[in-house]
Protein backbone atom coordinates (compact mmCIF):
# COMPACT_ATOMS: atom_id res chain seq x y z
CA MET A 1 -47.51 3.68 -21.06
CA PHE A 2 -44.40 5.87 -20.87
CA ASP A 3 -44.65 9.42 -19.58
CA LEU A 4 -42.35 10.86 -22.26
CA ILE A 5 -40.40 9.59 -25.26
CA LEU A 6 -37.70 11.66 -26.95
CA ARG A 7 -37.37 10.40 -30.51
CA ARG A 8 -34.17 10.57 -32.58
CA ALA A 9 -32.05 12.15 -29.86
CA ARG A 10 -28.42 12.65 -30.88
CA LEU A 11 -25.84 11.38 -28.42
CA CYS A 12 -22.34 12.83 -28.12
CA ASP A 13 -21.00 9.93 -30.22
CA GLU A 14 -23.48 11.02 -32.96
CA GLN A 15 -25.65 7.93 -32.49
CA LEU A 16 -29.41 8.53 -32.77
CA VAL A 17 -31.59 6.91 -30.10
CA ASP A 18 -35.01 7.09 -28.53
CA ILE A 19 -35.20 7.78 -24.79
CA ALA A 20 -38.23 6.70 -22.77
CA ILE A 21 -39.06 8.13 -19.35
CA GLN A 22 -41.46 6.76 -16.75
CA HIS A 23 -42.08 7.67 -13.11
CA GLY A 24 -39.11 10.04 -12.96
CA LYS A 25 -36.64 7.45 -14.22
CA ILE A 26 -35.06 6.60 -17.56
CA ALA A 27 -37.00 3.54 -18.72
CA ALA A 28 -35.23 2.71 -21.99
CA VAL A 29 -32.55 4.02 -24.35
CA GLY A 30 -32.30 2.75 -27.93
CA GLU A 31 -35.20 1.73 -30.16
CA VAL A 32 -38.33 2.32 -28.12
CA SER A 33 -41.80 1.13 -29.08
CA GLY A 34 -45.02 1.68 -27.24
CA PRO A 35 -47.28 4.61 -26.42
CA ALA A 36 -46.41 7.65 -24.32
CA GLN A 37 -48.37 10.49 -22.83
CA GLN A 38 -46.02 12.84 -24.65
CA GLU A 39 -43.54 12.44 -27.49
CA ARG A 40 -41.00 14.91 -28.79
CA ASP A 41 -39.17 14.25 -32.02
CA LEU A 42 -35.72 15.82 -31.89
CA ALA A 43 -35.11 14.72 -35.49
CA GLY A 44 -31.38 14.27 -34.90
CA ARG A 45 -30.96 18.03 -34.62
CA TYR A 46 -30.48 18.15 -30.85
CA TYR A 47 -27.92 16.49 -28.64
CA VAL A 48 -29.11 14.82 -25.45
CA SER A 49 -26.89 13.92 -22.51
CA ALA A 50 -27.47 12.97 -18.93
CA GLY A 51 -28.46 16.09 -17.01
CA TRP A 52 -25.55 18.44 -16.43
CA ILE A 53 -24.20 18.69 -12.90
CA ASP A 54 -22.41 21.88 -11.85
CA SER A 55 -20.15 20.74 -9.01
CA HIS A 56 -19.24 24.22 -7.77
CA VAL A 57 -21.79 27.04 -7.55
CA HIS A 58 -22.92 29.61 -4.98
CA CYS A 59 -26.70 29.78 -4.67
CA TYR A 60 -27.56 30.47 -1.03
CA PRO A 61 -29.63 33.60 -1.69
CA LYS A 62 -28.98 35.07 1.77
CA SER A 63 -25.20 34.99 1.42
CA PRO A 64 -23.86 38.55 1.63
CA ILE A 65 -20.96 37.91 -0.78
CA TYR A 66 -21.59 35.05 -3.23
CA HIS A 67 -25.24 34.35 -3.97
CA ASP A 68 -27.70 33.50 -6.73
CA GLU A 69 -30.93 31.60 -7.32
CA ALA A 70 -30.73 27.86 -8.00
CA ASP A 71 -33.11 27.86 -10.97
CA THR A 72 -31.43 30.90 -12.55
CA ILE A 73 -28.07 29.09 -12.72
CA GLY A 74 -29.60 25.63 -12.98
CA MET A 75 -32.71 24.80 -14.99
CA ALA A 76 -32.66 28.08 -16.94
CA GLN A 77 -29.09 27.34 -18.10
CA GLY A 78 -29.42 23.63 -18.88
CA VAL A 79 -28.11 22.39 -15.52
CA THR A 80 -30.27 19.83 -13.74
CA THR A 81 -28.25 19.56 -10.49
CA VAL A 82 -26.21 22.28 -8.78
CA VAL A 83 -23.88 21.74 -5.84
CA ASP A 84 -23.31 24.77 -3.66
CA ALA A 85 -19.66 24.82 -2.64
CA GLY A 86 -19.45 26.04 0.92
CA SER A 87 -21.66 29.12 0.94
CA THR A 88 -23.11 27.88 4.22
CA GLY A 89 -21.66 26.25 7.31
CA ALA A 90 -23.42 24.50 10.16
CA ASP A 91 -25.16 27.71 11.29
CA ASP A 92 -27.16 28.20 8.07
CA ILE A 93 -27.21 24.84 6.29
CA ASP A 94 -30.75 24.00 7.51
CA ASP A 95 -32.09 27.35 6.32
CA PHE A 96 -30.39 26.80 2.97
CA TYR A 97 -31.94 23.34 2.72
CA GLN A 98 -35.44 24.69 3.33
CA LEU A 99 -35.02 27.44 0.73
CA THR A 100 -33.99 24.91 -1.92
CA ARG A 101 -37.18 22.86 -1.53
CA SER A 102 -39.03 25.25 -3.83
CA ALA A 103 -36.46 24.98 -6.64
CA THR A 104 -37.05 22.85 -9.73
CA THR A 105 -33.29 22.34 -10.07
CA GLU A 106 -31.88 19.67 -7.78
CA VAL A 107 -29.70 21.36 -5.16
CA ARG A 108 -27.03 19.70 -3.00
CA ALA A 109 -24.41 21.29 -0.79
CA LEU A 110 -20.81 21.05 0.34
CA ILE A 111 -20.82 22.27 3.92
CA ASN A 112 -18.16 24.83 4.82
CA ILE A 113 -15.98 23.68 7.72
CA SER A 114 -16.49 27.17 9.18
CA ARG A 115 -19.76 27.45 11.11
CA THR A 116 -20.56 30.77 9.43
CA GLY A 117 -19.84 29.77 5.84
CA ILE A 118 -18.81 32.55 3.52
CA VAL A 119 -20.22 35.63 5.24
CA THR A 120 -16.77 37.22 5.04
CA GLN A 121 -13.79 36.49 2.79
CA ASN A 122 -11.72 35.11 5.69
CA GLU A 123 -13.97 32.51 7.28
CA LEU A 124 -11.01 30.30 8.26
CA ALA A 125 -8.87 33.05 9.82
CA ASP A 126 -10.39 32.25 13.24
CA MET A 127 -9.83 28.60 14.11
CA ALA A 128 -12.63 28.85 16.70
CA GLN A 129 -15.10 29.06 13.80
CA ILE A 130 -14.15 25.52 12.73
CA ASP A 131 -16.55 23.29 14.68
CA GLY A 132 -16.18 19.64 13.73
CA ASP A 133 -19.06 18.45 15.92
CA ALA A 134 -21.41 20.94 14.31
CA VAL A 135 -20.43 19.69 10.85
CA VAL A 136 -20.95 16.06 11.84
CA GLN A 137 -24.37 16.81 13.33
CA ALA A 138 -25.40 18.74 10.20
CA VAL A 139 -24.41 15.82 8.00
CA LYS A 140 -26.49 13.48 10.17
CA ARG A 141 -29.51 15.80 9.88
CA ARG A 142 -29.23 16.30 6.12
CA PRO A 143 -27.51 13.22 4.66
CA ASP A 144 -29.23 13.54 1.29
CA PHE A 145 -28.49 17.26 0.98
CA ILE A 146 -24.91 17.54 2.22
CA VAL A 147 -22.71 15.59 -0.21
CA GLY A 148 -19.29 16.78 0.97
CA LEU A 149 -17.16 19.33 2.79
CA LYS A 150 -15.52 22.54 1.59
CA ALA A 151 -12.35 24.25 2.78
CA ARG A 152 -11.00 27.39 1.10
CA MET A 153 -7.23 27.21 1.48
CA SER A 154 -5.85 30.50 0.22
CA SER A 155 -4.12 33.28 2.13
CA SER A 156 -7.04 35.70 2.09
CA VAL A 157 -9.26 33.05 3.70
CA VAL A 158 -6.96 31.40 6.27
CA GLY A 159 -5.10 34.50 7.43
CA GLU A 160 -2.26 33.53 9.75
CA ASN A 161 -3.43 29.93 10.14
CA GLY A 162 -1.54 28.48 7.18
CA ILE A 163 -2.24 24.79 6.63
CA GLN A 164 -4.00 24.22 9.98
CA PRO A 165 -7.60 24.62 8.69
CA LEU A 166 -6.96 21.81 6.22
CA VAL A 167 -5.55 19.59 8.95
CA ARG A 168 -8.79 20.17 10.85
CA ALA A 169 -10.84 19.59 7.71
CA LYS A 170 -9.30 16.18 7.16
CA ALA A 171 -10.10 15.16 10.75
CA ILE A 172 -13.69 16.41 10.37
CA GLN A 173 -13.98 14.54 7.08
CA GLN A 174 -13.14 11.28 8.80
CA ALA A 175 -15.62 11.95 11.61
CA ALA A 176 -18.33 12.80 9.05
CA GLY A 177 -18.09 9.48 7.23
CA ASN A 178 -15.34 10.31 4.75
CA LEU A 179 -17.47 12.47 2.49
CA PRO A 180 -15.63 14.11 -0.42
CA LEU A 181 -13.62 17.20 0.57
CA MET A 182 -13.36 20.01 -1.97
CA VAL A 183 -10.35 22.26 -1.40
CA HIS A 184 -10.11 25.70 -2.98
CA ILE A 185 -6.57 26.69 -3.96
CA GLY A 186 -5.36 30.22 -4.62
CA ASN A 187 -2.68 32.58 -3.38
CA ASN A 188 -0.23 31.27 -0.79
CA PRO A 189 0.41 30.71 2.03
CA PRO A 190 -0.19 27.83 2.37
CA VAL A 191 1.79 26.65 -0.63
CA LEU A 192 0.11 24.15 -2.94
CA GLU A 193 2.60 21.43 -2.10
CA GLU A 194 1.51 21.51 1.57
CA ILE A 195 -2.12 21.28 0.54
CA ALA A 196 -1.63 18.49 -1.99
CA ASP A 197 0.36 16.37 0.45
CA LEU A 198 -2.62 16.19 2.83
CA LEU A 199 -5.19 15.17 0.23
CA THR A 200 -6.39 11.60 -0.18
CA ALA A 201 -8.40 9.59 -2.71
CA GLY A 202 -11.68 11.27 -3.59
CA ASP A 203 -10.65 14.74 -2.42
CA ILE A 204 -11.14 17.48 -5.00
CA ILE A 205 -8.83 20.36 -5.90
CA THR A 206 -11.02 23.16 -7.25
CA HIS A 207 -9.67 26.13 -9.26
CA CYS A 208 -7.21 23.58 -10.64
CA PHE A 209 -6.25 25.71 -13.69
CA ASN A 210 -5.97 29.06 -11.93
CA GLY A 211 -3.23 31.40 -13.13
CA LYS A 212 -1.90 32.52 -9.75
CA PRO A 213 1.74 31.85 -8.76
CA ASN A 214 0.59 29.08 -6.38
CA ARG A 215 -0.74 27.00 -9.29
CA ILE A 216 -0.41 23.34 -10.27
CA LEU A 217 2.32 24.01 -12.84
CA SER A 218 5.92 25.00 -12.15
CA PRO A 219 7.38 28.15 -13.76
CA GLN A 220 8.70 25.78 -16.46
CA GLY A 221 5.15 24.58 -17.17
CA GLU A 222 5.56 21.14 -15.61
CA LEU A 223 3.05 19.56 -13.25
CA LYS A 224 4.32 19.98 -9.69
CA ALA A 225 5.42 16.69 -8.16
CA ALA A 226 3.11 17.03 -5.15
CA VAL A 227 0.11 17.45 -7.44
CA LYS A 228 1.21 14.56 -9.64
CA ASN A 229 1.47 12.36 -6.57
CA ALA A 230 -1.93 13.50 -5.32
CA ILE A 231 -3.55 12.65 -8.65
CA ALA A 232 -1.90 9.22 -8.50
CA ARG A 233 -3.53 8.75 -5.07
CA GLY A 234 -6.96 9.47 -6.55
CA VAL A 235 -7.32 13.21 -5.92
CA LYS A 236 -9.58 14.84 -8.53
CA LEU A 237 -9.22 18.11 -10.45
CA ASP A 238 -12.17 20.50 -10.74
CA ILE A 239 -12.23 23.70 -12.81
CA GLY A 240 -14.20 26.11 -10.59
CA HIS A 241 -13.78 28.92 -13.14
CA GLY A 242 -15.14 31.86 -11.14
CA GLY A 243 -14.05 35.44 -11.55
CA ALA A 244 -10.40 34.88 -10.67
CA SER A 245 -9.54 31.21 -11.02
CA PHE A 246 -9.23 30.04 -14.61
CA SER A 247 -6.31 30.64 -16.98
CA PHE A 248 -6.35 29.60 -20.63
CA GLU A 249 -2.56 29.43 -20.56
CA VAL A 250 -2.43 27.05 -17.59
CA ALA A 251 -5.27 24.94 -19.02
CA ARG A 252 -3.60 24.80 -22.43
CA GLN A 253 -0.28 23.65 -20.97
CA ALA A 254 -1.88 21.10 -18.67
CA ILE A 255 -4.20 19.58 -21.27
CA ALA A 256 -1.32 19.34 -23.77
CA GLN A 257 0.44 17.15 -21.18
CA GLY A 258 -2.63 14.96 -20.79
CA ILE A 259 -3.69 16.56 -17.49
CA LEU A 260 -7.42 16.86 -18.06
CA PRO A 261 -9.93 18.10 -15.51
CA ASP A 262 -12.13 15.46 -13.92
CA THR A 263 -14.98 17.94 -13.64
CA ILE A 264 -15.84 21.26 -15.27
CA SER A 265 -17.67 23.59 -12.90
CA SER A 266 -18.52 27.26 -13.04
CA ASP A 267 -18.13 28.74 -9.52
CA ILE A 268 -21.02 30.89 -10.65
CA TYR A 269 -22.87 33.53 -8.67
CA CYS A 270 -24.89 36.55 -9.71
CA ARG A 271 -22.00 38.92 -10.40
CA ASN A 272 -19.83 36.67 -12.58
CA ARG A 273 -22.98 35.36 -14.26
CA ILE A 274 -24.14 38.80 -15.31
CA ASN A 275 -20.79 40.53 -15.89
CA GLY A 276 -18.67 37.52 -16.84
CA PRO A 277 -16.33 35.89 -17.33
CA VAL A 278 -18.46 32.89 -16.27
CA HIS A 279 -21.98 33.65 -17.58
CA SER A 280 -23.12 29.99 -17.40
CA LEU A 281 -21.85 26.44 -17.11
CA ALA A 282 -22.41 26.00 -20.87
CA HIS A 283 -20.26 29.06 -21.55
CA VAL A 284 -17.47 27.64 -19.39
CA MET A 285 -17.79 24.23 -21.07
CA SER A 286 -17.53 25.85 -24.50
CA LYS A 287 -14.11 27.31 -23.66
CA PHE A 288 -12.62 23.82 -23.60
CA PHE A 289 -13.15 23.23 -27.32
CA SER A 290 -10.44 25.84 -27.92
CA ILE A 291 -7.86 24.18 -25.67
CA GLY A 292 -7.89 20.60 -26.81
CA MET A 293 -10.99 18.82 -25.49
CA THR A 294 -13.71 17.09 -27.48
CA LEU A 295 -17.48 17.24 -26.95
CA PRO A 296 -17.64 13.75 -25.35
CA GLN A 297 -14.80 14.67 -22.97
CA ILE A 298 -16.49 17.94 -22.01
CA ILE A 299 -19.85 16.28 -21.41
CA GLU A 300 -18.28 13.55 -19.26
CA CYS A 301 -16.92 16.31 -16.99
CA VAL A 302 -20.44 17.54 -16.19
CA THR A 303 -22.23 14.17 -16.09
CA VAL A 304 -20.63 10.84 -15.20
CA ASN A 305 -17.47 12.33 -13.67
CA ALA A 306 -19.36 14.93 -11.66
CA ALA A 307 -21.80 12.33 -10.33
CA ALA A 308 -18.97 9.96 -9.41
CA GLY A 309 -16.88 12.67 -7.75
CA LEU A 310 -19.68 13.70 -5.40
CA ARG A 311 -21.27 10.24 -5.15
CA LEU A 312 -24.60 11.34 -6.61
CA ALA A 313 -26.39 8.02 -6.93
CA GLY A 314 -28.66 7.60 -9.94
CA LYS A 315 -27.23 10.58 -11.81
CA GLY A 316 -24.75 11.20 -14.59
CA ARG A 317 -25.64 8.45 -17.08
CA LEU A 318 -28.17 7.92 -19.87
CA THR A 319 -28.98 4.44 -18.62
CA ALA A 320 -32.23 2.69 -17.77
CA GLY A 321 -32.96 2.95 -14.08
CA TYR A 322 -31.13 6.25 -13.60
CA ASP A 323 -32.91 9.49 -12.70
CA ALA A 324 -34.70 11.08 -15.63
CA ASP A 325 -32.46 14.16 -15.64
CA LEU A 326 -31.48 15.13 -19.19
CA THR A 327 -30.02 18.15 -20.96
CA ILE A 328 -31.01 18.87 -24.56
CA PHE A 329 -28.56 21.14 -26.38
CA THR A 330 -27.05 22.26 -29.66
CA VAL A 331 -23.47 23.07 -30.60
CA LYS A 332 -23.35 26.24 -32.68
CA GLU A 333 -20.49 26.72 -35.10
CA GLU A 334 -19.75 30.39 -34.68
CA ALA A 335 -16.62 32.44 -34.13
CA ARG A 336 -16.90 34.29 -30.84
CA PRO A 337 -14.48 35.48 -28.16
CA PHE A 338 -14.07 33.77 -24.81
CA VAL A 339 -12.27 35.45 -21.91
CA ASP A 340 -10.58 33.76 -18.96
CA ALA A 341 -10.14 35.12 -15.43
CA GLU A 342 -6.74 36.59 -16.39
CA GLY A 343 -8.16 38.70 -19.21
CA GLU A 344 -6.80 36.53 -22.04
CA GLN A 345 -9.18 36.38 -24.99
CA VAL A 346 -9.46 33.31 -27.21
CA LEU A 347 -11.52 33.17 -30.41
CA GLY A 348 -13.66 30.07 -30.08
CA GLN A 349 -15.40 28.37 -32.97
CA GLN A 350 -18.01 26.30 -31.11
CA HIS A 351 -20.56 27.23 -28.48
CA ILE A 352 -22.75 24.85 -26.48
CA LEU A 353 -26.33 26.11 -26.20
CA PRO A 354 -28.75 24.31 -23.85
CA GLN A 355 -32.30 24.32 -25.19
CA ALA A 356 -34.27 22.28 -22.66
CA VAL A 357 -33.92 20.01 -19.66
CA VAL A 358 -35.79 17.11 -18.19
CA ILE A 359 -35.66 17.13 -14.39
CA ALA A 360 -37.19 14.21 -12.48
CA GLY A 361 -39.06 13.30 -15.67
CA HIS A 362 -40.51 16.76 -16.34
CA TRP A 363 -39.70 18.85 -19.43
CA HIS A 364 -38.59 22.49 -19.02
CA LEU A 365 -37.29 25.01 -21.53
CA THR A 366 -34.07 26.87 -20.79
CA ASP A 367 -33.74 30.60 -21.32
CA GLU A 368 -32.10 29.83 -24.67
CA GLY A 369 -34.90 27.48 -25.65
CA LYS A 370 -37.55 30.03 -24.76
CA ALA A 371 -35.79 32.74 -26.74
CA ASN A 372 -35.48 30.56 -29.84
CA HIS A 373 -38.99 29.09 -29.69
CA VAL A 374 -37.46 25.81 -30.85
CA PHE A 375 -39.97 23.58 -29.08
CA ASP A 376 -43.17 25.55 -29.65
CA LEU A 377 -44.68 22.71 -31.68
């Protein structure tokens, strides 16, 4: 007997399927027969995808600058897995791990190369804070929790150190088993070309469509050669919207040239969740309808691409044998404004609204689903 069957679930390609779940795994997708302890008939009215993965959040609740609660930005908003991007370094990663054990949302972490993590805005201004041995030991202690490294390479973070923290990060990456390295880009120095030249296959540029002068596009709107070369080497592009790092204009120009993000992430924490312009991963995803992406492309950026980019085994696909992490959502046709981090407002026509999630085989309503009473049957 199956634990749960979702009947007539609508996939992003508009196909209707049944999805059976057993023992925390997807058991079958297609036409499913047989009994289940629970069945829910979605009647073709609700889309179902693999559970959404937000590759860049800040949810260490003790962080003095960027903090939130995992379930507030995860399960409640349709996200089944969140990846904290460098809130903690080696000093606090074990405490962070213990705090996440009570969350329903799956939580993973990118460990900051600075021991202290983000307790100040300039954690890489003192090279003595970069302790490679401490990072390597943390990865050994928490191999299932720490899925990569994080280095914030903008002037306000590195101070007078320029490119040197990234040089150290690459050496630490090799010592730590070549985990993915996510690199935040922003104001220079260091210039983006210096950063891009050091990146190798599997590294991730986050804030890829920021509107700052040190961005991926030249003043003429062309992709900078160093970034083009990095992409050709297998470097990935992540959105990391945040409060200051997403420009509609840059995204529009890039996507028109066929430069699509590999992953769409929010860079969410309590302040930009409550006050905007982020609000939720779904809200960020919805912005991409207005700048040339389709629903299947958007969903790939928070499922299969996100899982592949951070090597999250068993996640990201609606396939038998994968983890039973699902997101159930609607797409509302409604004119509403969206605002980027530069203050530009775009009138969008479609909005993705998560209604429920399945995490490790268990059904949970999102805040939207609770408000709409859509599954009160």
